Amino acid sequence: MPRKVKAGKFKLKTHKATSKRFRLTGSGILVRTKGGKSHLRRRTSERTKALFTEMIPVKGRGIIKRVRRLAPNLEE
C-alpha cells in the first residue's frame, strides 16, 4: 500500500530555551541578558547588581546564525 503524500513544507519548531534567552530589538539587533542573576548575590555590590538588568548586543556572526536557526520565529 503506498504512503500518503504530505502537502506543503514541514513545521518549524522553536527551541524554547533560545527564545527565552534572546530577544530581537526593533532595529533588528539580537540582544541577550547577563548571566549570574539568579543566586549567590549577597556579597555583590548594588552597582553590579544594577548592571545585571542591561541587555547586551550579541557579537559574533556564528552565534547570531545559530540563534536564528534555533528560533526562526524570533522576529515576530
N, C-alpha and C. Protein backbone atom coordinates (compact mmCIF):
# COMPACT_ATOMS: atom_id res chain seq x y z
N MET A 1 0.84 -1.18 0.00
CA MET A 1 0.00 0.00 0.00
C MET A 1 0.89 1.25 0.00
N PRO A 2 0.69 2.20 -0.90
CA PRO A 2 1.55 3.39 -0.97
C PRO A 2 1.27 4.34 0.19
N ARG A 3 2.32 5.07 0.56
CA ARG A 3 2.19 6.05 1.65
C ARG A 3 1.45 7.29 1.18
N LYS A 4 0.86 7.98 2.16
CA LYS A 4 0.19 9.25 1.86
C LYS A 4 1.26 10.32 1.63
N VAL A 5 1.06 11.13 0.64
CA VAL A 5 1.97 12.23 0.36
C VAL A 5 1.49 13.45 1.12
N LYS A 6 2.40 14.02 1.96
CA LYS A 6 2.04 15.20 2.74
C LYS A 6 2.18 16.44 1.88
N ALA A 7 1.22 17.30 1.96
CA ALA A 7 1.25 18.54 1.18
C ALA A 7 1.93 19.64 1.99
N GLY A 8 2.74 20.45 1.33
CA GLY A 8 3.37 21.60 1.98
C GLY A 8 4.69 21.26 2.63
N LYS A 9 5.25 22.28 3.31
CA LYS A 9 6.55 22.13 3.98
C LYS A 9 6.37 21.54 5.37
N PHE A 10 7.51 21.22 5.96
CA PHE A 10 7.48 20.72 7.33
C PHE A 10 7.32 21.88 8.30
N LYS A 11 6.88 21.58 9.52
CA LYS A 11 6.61 22.60 10.51
C LYS A 11 7.89 22.94 11.27
N LEU A 12 8.21 24.23 11.37
CA LEU A 12 9.38 24.67 12.12
C LEU A 12 9.04 24.76 13.60
N LYS A 13 9.92 24.23 14.43
CA LYS A 13 9.69 24.29 15.87
C LYS A 13 10.76 25.16 16.51
N THR A 14 10.34 25.99 17.44
CA THR A 14 11.23 26.91 18.13
C THR A 14 11.91 26.19 19.29
N HIS A 15 13.21 26.43 19.44
CA HIS A 15 13.96 25.93 20.60
C HIS A 15 13.63 26.88 21.75
N LYS A 16 12.85 26.40 22.72
CA LYS A 16 12.27 27.26 23.74
C LYS A 16 13.32 27.94 24.62
N ALA A 17 14.41 27.25 24.96
CA ALA A 17 15.45 27.86 25.79
C ALA A 17 16.08 29.04 25.08
N THR A 18 16.27 28.92 23.77
CA THR A 18 16.85 30.01 22.99
C THR A 18 15.90 31.20 22.94
N SER A 19 14.63 30.94 22.73
CA SER A 19 13.66 32.03 22.63
C SER A 19 13.50 32.77 23.96
N LYS A 20 13.77 32.10 25.08
CA LYS A 20 13.67 32.75 26.38
C LYS A 20 14.92 33.57 26.71
N ARG A 21 16.06 33.19 26.15
CA ARG A 21 17.32 33.85 26.48
C ARG A 21 17.65 35.04 25.58
N PHE A 22 17.13 35.03 24.36
CA PHE A 22 17.46 36.08 23.41
C PHE A 22 16.22 36.84 23.00
N ARG A 23 16.43 38.10 22.57
CA ARG A 23 15.34 38.94 22.12
C ARG A 23 15.83 39.75 20.93
N LEU A 24 14.92 40.15 20.09
CA LEU A 24 15.27 40.95 18.93
C LEU A 24 14.72 42.36 19.13
N THR A 25 15.59 43.37 18.95
CA THR A 25 15.14 44.75 19.12
C THR A 25 14.38 45.20 17.88
N GLY A 26 13.80 46.38 17.95
CA GLY A 26 13.05 46.92 16.83
C GLY A 26 13.92 47.16 15.61
N SER A 27 15.19 47.49 15.86
CA SER A 27 16.11 47.74 14.74
C SER A 27 16.76 46.45 14.23
N GLY A 28 16.39 45.31 14.81
CA GLY A 28 16.88 44.03 14.31
C GLY A 28 18.15 43.52 14.96
N ILE A 29 18.56 44.11 16.09
CA ILE A 29 19.77 43.67 16.79
C ILE A 29 19.39 42.57 17.77
N LEU A 30 20.16 41.49 17.78
CA LEU A 30 19.93 40.38 18.70
C LEU A 30 20.58 40.71 20.04
N VAL A 31 19.81 40.67 21.12
CA VAL A 31 20.32 41.01 22.44
C VAL A 31 20.11 39.85 23.40
N ARG A 32 20.93 39.83 24.44
CA ARG A 32 20.86 38.78 25.45
C ARG A 32 20.97 39.41 26.83
N THR A 33 20.57 38.65 27.87
CA THR A 33 20.72 39.11 29.24
C THR A 33 22.05 38.62 29.80
N LYS A 34 22.48 39.21 30.88
CA LYS A 34 23.73 38.78 31.51
C LYS A 34 23.47 37.57 32.39
N GLY A 35 24.50 36.76 32.56
CA GLY A 35 24.40 35.60 33.44
C GLY A 35 24.71 35.97 34.87
N GLY A 36 24.42 35.08 35.80
CA GLY A 36 24.74 35.31 37.21
C GLY A 36 23.72 36.15 37.94
N LYS A 37 22.47 36.16 37.47
CA LYS A 37 21.44 36.99 38.10
C LYS A 37 20.62 36.23 39.13
N SER A 38 20.71 34.91 39.14
CA SER A 38 19.74 34.14 39.90
C SER A 38 20.05 34.02 41.39
N HIS A 39 21.25 33.60 41.77
CA HIS A 39 21.53 33.40 43.20
C HIS A 39 23.00 33.70 43.50
N LEU A 40 23.37 33.60 44.80
CA LEU A 40 24.72 33.92 45.30
C LEU A 40 25.10 35.37 45.00
N ARG A 41 24.18 36.28 45.30
CA ARG A 41 24.41 37.69 45.00
C ARG A 41 24.45 38.56 46.25
N ARG A 42 24.56 37.96 47.41
CA ARG A 42 24.50 38.75 48.64
C ARG A 42 25.72 39.66 48.80
N ARG A 43 26.89 39.17 48.40
CA ARG A 43 28.11 39.95 48.56
C ARG A 43 28.40 40.86 47.37
N THR A 44 27.55 40.80 46.37
CA THR A 44 27.73 41.62 45.18
C THR A 44 27.26 43.04 45.46
N SER A 45 28.00 44.03 44.95
CA SER A 45 27.65 45.43 45.19
C SER A 45 26.36 45.80 44.46
N GLU A 46 25.71 46.84 44.96
CA GLU A 46 24.43 47.28 44.38
C GLU A 46 24.62 47.75 42.94
N ARG A 47 25.76 48.37 42.66
CA ARG A 47 26.03 48.87 41.31
C ARG A 47 26.15 47.70 40.33
N THR A 48 26.84 46.66 40.75
CA THR A 48 27.00 45.48 39.91
C THR A 48 25.66 44.80 39.68
N LYS A 49 24.83 44.73 40.71
CA LYS A 49 23.51 44.13 40.57
C LYS A 49 22.63 44.94 39.64
N ALA A 50 22.78 46.26 39.68
CA ALA A 50 22.01 47.13 38.79
C ALA A 50 22.43 46.93 37.34
N LEU A 51 23.71 46.63 37.12
CA LEU A 51 24.21 46.42 35.76
C LEU A 51 23.70 45.12 35.15
N PHE A 52 23.23 44.20 36.00
CA PHE A 52 22.70 42.91 35.50
C PHE A 52 21.42 43.09 34.68
N THR A 53 20.72 44.21 34.88
CA THR A 53 19.45 44.41 34.20
C THR A 53 19.62 44.75 32.72
N GLU A 54 20.81 45.22 32.34
CA GLU A 54 21.04 45.64 30.95
C GLU A 54 21.03 44.45 29.99
N MET A 55 20.56 44.72 28.79
CA MET A 55 20.62 43.73 27.71
C MET A 55 21.85 44.04 26.87
N ILE A 56 22.60 43.02 26.50
CA ILE A 56 23.84 43.19 25.75
C ILE A 56 23.63 42.72 24.32
N PRO A 57 24.09 43.51 23.33
CA PRO A 57 24.01 43.01 21.95
C PRO A 57 24.93 41.82 21.73
N VAL A 58 24.46 40.85 20.99
CA VAL A 58 25.24 39.63 20.74
C VAL A 58 26.26 39.92 19.64
N LYS A 59 27.52 39.58 19.92
CA LYS A 59 28.58 39.75 18.94
C LYS A 59 28.95 38.39 18.39
N GLY A 60 29.36 38.34 17.16
CA GLY A 60 29.76 37.08 16.54
C GLY A 60 28.70 36.57 15.59
N ARG A 61 29.07 36.51 14.31
CA ARG A 61 28.10 36.09 13.30
C ARG A 61 27.66 34.65 13.48
N GLY A 62 28.56 33.79 13.97
CA GLY A 62 28.22 32.38 14.15
C GLY A 62 27.14 32.17 15.18
N ILE A 63 27.22 32.91 16.28
CA ILE A 63 26.22 32.79 17.34
C ILE A 63 24.88 33.31 16.86
N ILE A 64 24.90 34.45 16.16
CA ILE A 64 23.66 35.03 15.64
C ILE A 64 23.00 34.06 14.66
N LYS A 65 23.82 33.45 13.81
CA LYS A 65 23.30 32.49 12.83
C LYS A 65 22.66 31.29 13.52
N ARG A 66 23.30 30.80 14.59
CA ARG A 66 22.78 29.64 15.33
C ARG A 66 21.48 29.98 16.03
N VAL A 67 21.40 31.17 16.62
CA VAL A 67 20.18 31.58 17.33
C VAL A 67 19.02 31.72 16.34
N ARG A 68 19.30 32.29 15.15
CA ARG A 68 18.26 32.43 14.14
C ARG A 68 17.75 31.08 13.67
N ARG A 69 18.66 30.09 13.61
CA ARG A 69 18.26 28.74 13.19
C ARG A 69 17.43 28.06 14.28
N LEU A 70 17.82 28.24 15.55
CA LEU A 70 17.11 27.60 16.66
C LEU A 70 15.76 28.24 16.92
N ALA A 71 15.67 29.55 16.73
CA ALA A 71 14.41 30.27 16.97
C ALA A 71 14.03 31.03 15.72
N PRO A 72 13.47 30.37 14.72
CA PRO A 72 13.14 31.05 13.47
C PRO A 72 12.02 32.07 13.59
N ASN A 73 11.17 31.93 14.60
CA ASN A 73 10.04 32.84 14.77
C ASN A 73 10.33 33.96 15.76
N LEU A 74 11.61 34.21 16.02
CA LEU A 74 12.01 35.23 16.99
C LEU A 74 11.65 36.64 16.51
N GLU A 75 11.55 36.83 15.20
CA GLU A 75 11.27 38.15 14.65
C GLU A 75 9.87 38.64 14.98
N GLU A 76 8.94 37.71 15.16
CA GLU A 76 7.54 38.08 15.37
C GLU A 76 7.28 38.60 16.75
